[in-house]
PDB file of N, CA and C in Angstrom:
ATOM      1  N   MET A   1     -27.322  28.353  14.516  1.00  0.00           N
ATOM      2  CA  MET A   1     -26.854  27.794  13.263  1.00  0.00           C
ATOM      3  C   MET A   1     -25.432  28.239  12.951  1.00  0.00           C
ATOM      4  N   GLU A   2     -25.150  29.473  13.210  1.00  0.00           N
ATOM      5  CA  GLU A   2     -23.816  30.021  12.923  1.00  0.00           C
ATOM      6  C   GLU A   2     -22.750  29.259  13.717  1.00  0.00           C
ATOM      7  N   LEU A   3     -23.038  28.984  14.963  1.00  0.00           N
ATOM      8  CA  LEU A   3     -22.092  28.281  15.826  1.00  0.00           C
ATOM      9  C   LEU A   3     -21.828  26.872  15.321  1.00  0.00           C
ATOM     10  N   ARG A   4     -22.850  26.165  14.908  1.00  0.00           N
ATOM     11  CA  ARG A   4     -22.685  24.799  14.407  1.00  0.00           C
ATOM     12  C   ARG A   4     -21.816  24.761  13.149  1.00  0.00           C
ATOM     13  N   ARG A   5     -21.983  25.741  12.286  1.00  0.00           N
ATOM     14  CA  ARG A   5     -21.200  25.768  11.054  1.00  0.00           C
ATOM     15  C   ARG A   5     -19.716  25.962  11.379  1.00  0.00           C
ATOM     16  N   ASP A   6     -19.384  26.819  12.341  1.00  0.00           N
ATOM     17  CA  ASP A   6     -17.999  27.038  12.732  1.00  0.00           C
ATOM     18  C   ASP A   6     -17.394  25.767  13.311  1.00  0.00           C
ATOM     19  N   ILE A   7     -18.135  25.075  14.144  1.00  0.00           N
ATOM     20  CA  ILE A   7     -17.651  23.823  14.736  1.00  0.00           C
ATOM     21  C   ILE A   7     -17.419  22.778  13.649  1.00  0.00           C
ATOM     22  N   ALA A   8     -18.322  22.711  12.695  1.00  0.00           N
ATOM     23  CA  ALA A   8     -18.184  21.745  11.607  1.00  0.00           C
ATOM     24  C   ALA A   8     -16.921  22.026  10.790  1.00  0.00           C
ATOM     25  N   GLU A   9     -16.600  23.301  10.585  1.00  0.00           N
ATOM     26  CA  GLU A   9     -15.387  23.657   9.842  1.00  0.00           C
ATOM     27  C   GLU A   9     -14.140  23.219  10.608  1.00  0.00           C
ATOM     28  N   TYR A  10     -14.136  23.452  11.919  1.00  0.00           N
ATOM     29  CA  TYR A  10     -13.004  23.035  12.738  1.00  0.00           C
ATOM     30  C   TYR A  10     -12.872  21.516  12.752  1.00  0.00           C
ATOM     31  N   ARG A  11     -14.006  20.856  12.864  1.00  0.00           N
ATOM     32  CA  ARG A  11     -14.010  19.398  12.888  1.00  0.00           C
ATOM     33  C   ARG A  11     -13.476  18.835  11.560  1.00  0.00           C
ATOM     34  N   ALA A  12     -13.890  19.409  10.463  1.00  0.00           N
ATOM     35  CA  ALA A  12     -13.426  18.968   9.147  1.00  0.00           C
ATOM     36  C   ALA A  12     -11.926  19.215   9.000  1.00  0.00           C
ATOM     37  N   ALA A  13     -11.465  20.355   9.482  1.00  0.00           N
ATOM     38  CA  ALA A  13     -10.030  20.665   9.404  1.00  0.00           C
ATOM     39  C   ALA A  13      -9.232  19.698  10.273  1.00  0.00           C
ATOM     40  N   ALA A  14      -9.750  19.385  11.460  1.00  0.00           N
ATOM     41  CA  ALA A  14      -9.066  18.452  12.356  1.00  0.00           C
ATOM     42  C   ALA A  14      -9.015  17.058  11.751  1.00  0.00           C
ATOM     43  N   GLU A  15     -10.105  16.633  11.123  1.00  0.00           N
ATOM     44  CA  GLU A  15     -10.121  15.312  10.481  1.00  0.00           C
ATOM     45  C   GLU A  15      -9.153  15.256   9.302  1.00  0.00           C
ATOM     46  N   ALA A  16      -9.083  16.337   8.535  1.00  0.00           N
ATOM     47  CA  ALA A  16      -8.139  16.382   7.409  1.00  0.00           C
ATOM     48  C   ALA A  16      -6.706  16.321   7.911  1.00  0.00           C
ATOM     49  N   GLN A  17      -6.436  17.030   9.001  1.00  0.00           N
ATOM     50  CA  GLN A  17      -5.086  16.998   9.569  1.00  0.00           C
ATOM     51  C   GLN A  17      -4.770  15.611  10.118  1.00  0.00           C
ATOM     52  N   ALA A  18      -5.726  14.982  10.768  1.00  0.00           N
ATOM     53  CA  ALA A  18      -5.520  13.635  11.302  1.00  0.00           C
ATOM     54  C   ALA A  18      -5.264  12.645  10.166  1.00  0.00           C
ATOM     55  N   ASP A  19      -5.974  12.790   9.058  1.00  0.00           N
ATOM     56  CA  ASP A  19      -5.745  11.915   7.899  1.00  0.00           C
ATOM     57  C   ASP A  19      -4.336  12.089   7.349  1.00  0.00           C
ATOM     58  N   ALA A  20      -3.883  13.344   7.266  1.00  0.00           N
ATOM     59  CA  ALA A  20      -2.528  13.604   6.760  1.00  0.00           C
ATOM     60  C   ALA A  20      -1.473  12.998   7.684  1.00  0.00           C
ATOM     61  N   VAL A  21      -1.693  13.122   8.986  1.00  0.00           N
ATOM     62  CA  VAL A  21      -0.749  12.553   9.954  1.00  0.00           C
ATOM     63  C   VAL A  21      -0.738  11.033   9.850  1.00  0.00           C
ATOM     64  N   ARG A  22      -1.925  10.427   9.716  1.00  0.00           N
ATOM     65  CA  ARG A  22      -2.009   8.964   9.561  1.00  0.00           C
ATOM     66  C   ARG A  22      -1.240   8.497   8.331  1.00  0.00           C
ATOM     67  N   GLU A  23      -1.376   9.243   7.232  1.00  0.00           N
ATOM     68  CA  GLU A  23      -0.676   8.883   5.999  1.00  0.00           C
ATOM     69  C   GLU A  23       0.835   8.944   6.193  1.00  0.00           C
ATOM     70  N   ARG A  24       1.315   9.984   6.878  1.00  0.00           N
ATOM     71  CA  ARG A  24       2.765  10.094   7.122  1.00  0.00           C
ATOM     72  C   ARG A  24       3.255   8.990   8.034  1.00  0.00           C
ATOM     73  N   ILE A  25       2.463   8.648   9.045  1.00  0.00           N
ATOM     74  CA  ILE A  25       2.847   7.564   9.953  1.00  0.00           C
ATOM     75  C   ILE A  25       2.906   6.245   9.196  1.00  0.00           C
ATOM     76  N   ASN A  26       1.894   5.973   8.376  1.00  0.00           N
ATOM     77  CA  ASN A  26       1.884   4.728   7.606  1.00  0.00           C
ATOM     78  C   ASN A  26       3.047   4.661   6.626  1.00  0.00           C
ATOM     79  N   ALA A  27       3.404   5.781   6.014  1.00  0.00           N
ATOM     80  CA  ALA A  27       4.547   5.814   5.101  1.00  0.00           C
ATOM     81  C   ALA A  27       5.841   5.537   5.857  1.00  0.00           C
ATOM     82  N   ALA A  28       5.987   6.132   7.038  1.00  0.00           N
ATOM     83  CA  ALA A  28       7.182   5.900   7.842  1.00  0.00           C
ATOM     84  C   ALA A  28       7.257   4.446   8.299  1.00  0.00           C
ATOM     85  N   LEU A  29       6.125   3.862   8.661  1.00  0.00           N
ATOM     86  CA  LEU A  29       6.108   2.453   9.053  1.00  0.00           C
ATOM     87  C   LEU A  29       6.521   1.554   7.901  1.00  0.00           C
ATOM     88  N   GLU A  30       6.085   1.872   6.708  1.00  0.00           N
ATOM     89  CA  GLU A  30       6.442   1.083   5.533  1.00  0.00           C
ATOM     90  C   GLU A  30       7.943   1.165   5.262  1.00  0.00           C
ATOM     91  N   VAL A  31       8.497   2.363   5.383  1.00  0.00           N
ATOM     92  CA  VAL A  31       9.946   2.526   5.185  1.00  0.00           C
ATOM     93  C   VAL A  31      10.709   1.727   6.230  1.00  0.00           C
ATOM     94  N   SER A  32      10.266   1.777   7.467  1.00  0.00           N
ATOM     95  CA  SER A  32      10.967   1.039   8.526  1.00  0.00           C
ATOM     96  C   SER A  32      10.837  -0.466   8.331  1.00  0.00           C
ATOM     97  N   ARG A  33       9.691  -0.940   7.851  1.00  0.00           N
ATOM     98  CA  ARG A  33       9.537  -2.371   7.567  1.00  0.00           C
ATOM     99  C   ARG A  33      10.501  -2.813   6.470  1.00  0.00           C
ATOM    100  N   ARG A  34      10.584  -2.003   5.395  1.00  0.00           N
ATOM    101  CA  ARG A  34      11.498  -2.342   4.296  1.00  0.00           C
ATOM    102  C   ARG A  34      12.945  -2.333   4.764  1.00  0.00           C
ATOM    103  N   THR A  35      13.294  -1.344   5.575  1.00  0.00           N
ATOM    104  CA  THR A  35      14.657  -1.258   6.097  1.00  0.00           C
ATOM    105  C   THR A  35      14.977  -2.475   6.951  1.00  0.00           C
ATOM    106  N   ARG A  36      14.051  -2.861   7.792  1.00  0.00           N
ATOM    107  CA  ARG A  36      14.270  -4.034   8.647  1.00  0.00           C
ATOM    108  C   ARG A  36      14.433  -5.295   7.809  1.00  0.00           C
ATOM    109  N   GLU A  37      13.606  -5.459   6.788  1.00  0.00           N
ATOM    110  CA  GLU A  37      13.724  -6.631   5.917  1.00  0.00           C
ATOM    111  C   GLU A  37      15.074  -6.656   5.209  1.00  0.00           C
ATOM    112  N   GLU A  38      15.532  -5.489   4.735  1.00  0.00           N
ATOM    113  CA  GLU A  38      16.833  -5.419   4.070  1.00  0.00           C
ATOM    114  C   GLU A  38      17.958  -5.791   5.024  1.00  0.00           C
ATOM    115  N   ILE A  39      17.890  -5.288   6.250  1.00  0.00           N
ATOM    116  CA  ILE A  39      18.917  -5.602   7.244  1.00  0.00           C
ATOM    117  C   ILE A  39      18.906  -7.087   7.558  1.00  0.00           C
ATOM    118  N   GLU A  40      17.723  -7.661   7.748  1.00  0.00           N
ATOM    119  CA  GLU A  40      17.631  -9.096   8.036  1.00  0.00           C
ATOM    120  C   GLU A  40      18.173  -9.934   6.879  1.00  0.00           C
ATOM    121  N   GLN A  41      17.898  -9.495   5.645  1.00  0.00           N
ATOM    122  CA  GLN A  41      18.422 -10.219   4.478  1.00  0.00           C
ATOM    123  C   GLN A  41      19.940 -10.134   4.420  1.00  0.00           C
ATOM    124  N   ARG A  42      20.495  -8.961   4.702  1.00  0.00           N
ATOM    125  CA  ARG A  42      21.959  -8.816   4.707  1.00  0.00           C
ATOM    126  C   ARG A  42      22.587  -9.700   5.770  1.00  0.00           C
ATOM    127  N   ILE A  43      21.995  -9.716   6.952  1.00  0.00           N
ATOM    128  CA  ILE A  43      22.528 -10.546   8.036  1.00  0.00           C
ATOM    129  C   ILE A  43      22.478 -12.011   7.634  1.00  0.00           C
ATOM    130  N   ALA A  44      21.353 -12.443   7.098  1.00  0.00           N
ATOM    131  CA  ALA A  44      21.210 -13.847   6.698  1.00  0.00           C
ATOM    132  C   ALA A  44      22.196 -14.200   5.590  1.00  0.00           C
ATOM    133  N   SER A  45      22.379 -13.323   4.616  1.00  0.00           N
ATOM    134  CA  SER A  45      23.294 -13.641   3.524  1.00  0.00           C
ATOM    135  C   SER A  45      24.739 -13.660   4.007  1.00  0.00           C
ATOM    136  N   GLU A  46      25.094 -12.818   4.954  1.00  0.00           N
ATOM    137  CA  GLU A  46      26.469 -12.811   5.461  1.00  0.00           C
ATOM    138  C   GLU A  46      26.725 -13.992   6.378  1.00  0.00           C
ATOM    139  N   LEU A  47      25.697 -14.512   7.012  1.00  0.00           N
ATOM    140  CA  LEU A  47      25.884 -15.703   7.841  1.00  0.00           C
ATOM    141  C   LEU A  47      26.174 -16.922   6.970  1.00  0.00           C
ATOM    142  N   HIS A  48      25.550 -16.953   5.785  1.00  0.00           N
ATOM    143  CA  HIS A  48      25.742 -18.088   4.884  1.00  0.00           C
ATOM    144  C   HIS A  48      26.979 -17.938   4.014  1.00  0.00           C
ATOM    145  N   THR A  49      27.354 -16.717   3.711  1.00  0.00           N
ATOM    146  CA  THR A  49      28.554 -16.467   2.910  1.00  0.00           C
ATOM    147  C   THR A  49      29.387 -15.413   3.625  1.00  0.00           C
ATOM    148  N   PRO A  50      30.249 -15.842   4.532  1.00  0.00           N
ATOM    149  CA  PRO A  50      31.032 -14.859   5.290  1.00  0.00           C
ATOM    150  C   PRO A  50      31.968 -14.076   4.378  1.00  0.00           C
ATOM    151  N   ARG A  51      32.248 -12.878   4.770  1.00  0.00           N
ATOM    152  CA  ARG A  51      33.137 -12.027   3.992  1.00  0.00           C
ATOM    153  C   ARG A  51      34.560 -12.561   4.048  1.00  0.00           C
ATOM    154  N   VAL A  52      35.257 -12.400   2.941  1.00  0.00           N
ATOM    155  CA  VAL A  52      36.662 -12.770   2.896  1.00  0.00           C
ATOM    156  C   VAL A  52      37.442 -11.505   3.192  1.00  0.00           C
ATOM    157  N   THR A  53      38.210 -11.550   4.269  1.00  0.00           N
ATOM    158  CA  THR A  53      38.972 -10.365   4.639  1.00  0.00           C
ATOM    159  C   THR A  53      40.430 -10.580   4.271  1.00  0.00           C
ATOM    160  N   ALA A  54      41.071  -9.528   3.875  1.00  0.00           N
ATOM    161  CA  ALA A  54      42.486  -9.603   3.520  1.00  0.00           C
ATOM    162  C   ALA A  54      43.295  -9.846   4.785  1.00  0.00           C
ATOM    163  N   ALA A  55      44.409 -10.578   4.617  1.00  0.00           N
ATOM    164  CA  ALA A  55      45.266 -10.848   5.771  1.00  0.00           C
ATOM    165  C   ALA A  55      45.840  -9.523   6.261  1.00  0.00           C
ATOM    166  N   LYS A  56      45.871  -9.367   7.549  1.00  0.00           N
ATOM    167  CA  LYS A  56      46.398  -8.131   8.111  1.00  0.00           C
ATOM    168  C   LYS A  56      47.906  -8.116   7.961  1.00  0.00           C
ATOM    169  N   LYS A  57      48.436  -6.964   7.612  1.00  0.00           N
ATOM    170  CA  LYS A  57      49.880  -6.818   7.501  1.00  0.00           C
ATOM    171  C   LYS A  57      50.462  -6.710   8.905  1.00  0.00           C
ATOM    172  N   ALA A  58      51.637  -7.264   9.060  1.00  0.00           N
ATOM    173  CA  ALA A  58      52.299  -7.172  10.355  1.00  0.00           C
ATOM    174  C   ALA A  58      52.696  -5.726  10.592  1.00  0.00           C
ATOM    175  N   ALA A  59      52.549  -5.295  11.801  1.00  0.00           N
ATOM    176  CA  ALA A  59      52.916  -3.925  12.142  1.00  0.00           C
ATOM    177  C   ALA A  59      54.430  -3.796  12.066  1.00  0.00           C
ATOM    178  N   PRO A  60      54.927  -2.692  11.574  1.00  0.00           N
ATOM    179  CA  PRO A  60      56.383  -2.535  11.502  1.00  0.00           C
ATOM    180  C   PRO A  60      56.984  -2.511  12.899  1.00  0.00           C
ATOM    181  N   ALA A  61      58.185  -3.020  12.993  1.00  0.00           N
ATOM    182  CA  ALA A  61      58.863  -3.059  14.296  1.00  0.00           C
ATOM    183  C   ALA A  61      59.103  -1.636  14.761  1.00  0.00           C
ATOM    184  N   ARG A  62      58.994  -1.436  16.049  1.00  0.00           N
ATOM    185  CA  ARG A  62      59.218  -0.098  16.596  1.00  0.00           C
ATOM    186  C   ARG A  62      60.713   0.194  16.626  1.00  0.00           C
ATOM    187  N   LYS A  63      61.015   1.413  16.346  1.00  0.00           N
ATOM    188  CA  LYS A  63      62.420   1.833  16.397  1.00  0.00           C
ATOM    189  C   LYS A  63      62.803   2.066  17.842  1.00  0.00           C
ATOM    190  N   ARG A  64      63.997   1.673  18.160  1.00  0.00           N
ATOM    191  CA  ARG A  64      64.478   1.917  19.519  1.00  0.00           C
ATOM    192  C   ARG A  64      64.949   3.351  19.633  1.00  0.00           C
ATOM    193  N   THR A  65      64.691   3.908  20.764  1.00  0.00           N
ATOM    194  CA  THR A  65      65.156   5.283  21.007  1.00  0.00           C
ATOM    195  C   THR A  65      66.449   5.214  21.796  1.00  0.00           C
ATOM    196  N   ARG A  66      67.161   6.289  21.876  1.00  0.00           N
ATOM    197  CA  ARG A  66      68.427   6.306  22.610  1.00  0.00           C
ATOM    198  C   ARG A  66      68.196   5.945  24.078  1.00  0.00           C
ATOM    199  N   ALA A  67      67.107   6.421  24.659  1.00  0.00           N
ATOM    200  CA  ALA A  67      66.844   6.164  26.071  1.00  0.00           C
ATOM    201  C   ALA A  67      66.686   4.670  26.308  1.00  0.00           C
ATOM    202  N   SER A  68      66.017   3.965  25.408  1.00  0.00           N
ATOM    203  CA  SER A  68      65.817   2.540  25.635  1.00  0.00           C
ATOM    204  C   SER A  68      67.101   1.756  25.398  1.00  0.00           C
ATOM    205  N   THR A  69      67.976   2.203  24.485  1.00  0.00           N
ATOM    206  CA  THR A  69      69.235   1.480  24.257  1.00  0.00           C
ATOM    207  C   THR A  69      70.198   1.718  25.392  1.00  0.00           C
ATOM    208  N   ARG A  70      70.160   2.894  25.981  1.00  0.00           N
ATOM    209  CA  ARG A  70      71.021   3.170  27.151  1.00  0.00           C
ATOM    210  C   ARG A  70      70.595   2.346  28.348  1.00  0.00           C
ATOM    211  N   ALA A  71      69.274   2.236  28.535  1.00  0.00           N
ATOM    212  CA  ALA A  71      68.762   1.491  29.686  1.00  0.00           C
ATOM    213  C   ALA A  71      69.118   0.019  29.550  1.00  0.00           C
ATOM    214  N   SER A  72      69.061  -0.525  28.340  1.00  0.00           N
ATOM    215  CA  SER A  72      69.382  -1.935  28.191  1.00  0.00           C
ATOM    216  C   SER A  72      70.885  -2.178  28.262  1.00  0.00           C
ATOM    217  N   ALA A  73      71.712  -1.167  27.979  1.00  0.00           N
ATOM    218  CA  ALA A  73      73.160  -1.327  28.034  1.00  0.00           C
ATOM    219  C   ALA A  73      73.666  -1.321  29.459  1.00  0.00           C
ATOM    220  N   LYS A  74      72.953  -0.747  30.376  1.00  0.00           N
ATOM    221  CA  LYS A  74      73.406  -0.657  31.776  1.00  0.00           C
ATOM    222  C   LYS A  74      73.357  -1.953  32.483  1.00  0.00           C
TER     223      LYS A  74
END
């Protein structure tokens, strides 16, 4: 009888731990589902209404160095 009671305690503890793990897994799955839905909604909304980007400024002209002006003068 003593042995059976010890096994039952371990079994109950293992089942409680398994339940806790299942709950955490299900919570993580729910978060990932919501995240995926949000990403899909953002993608769909941006496909229908593309972002307006500001015109890029022209890069400033590079300054000539003495070495390059000498080479072109030769």
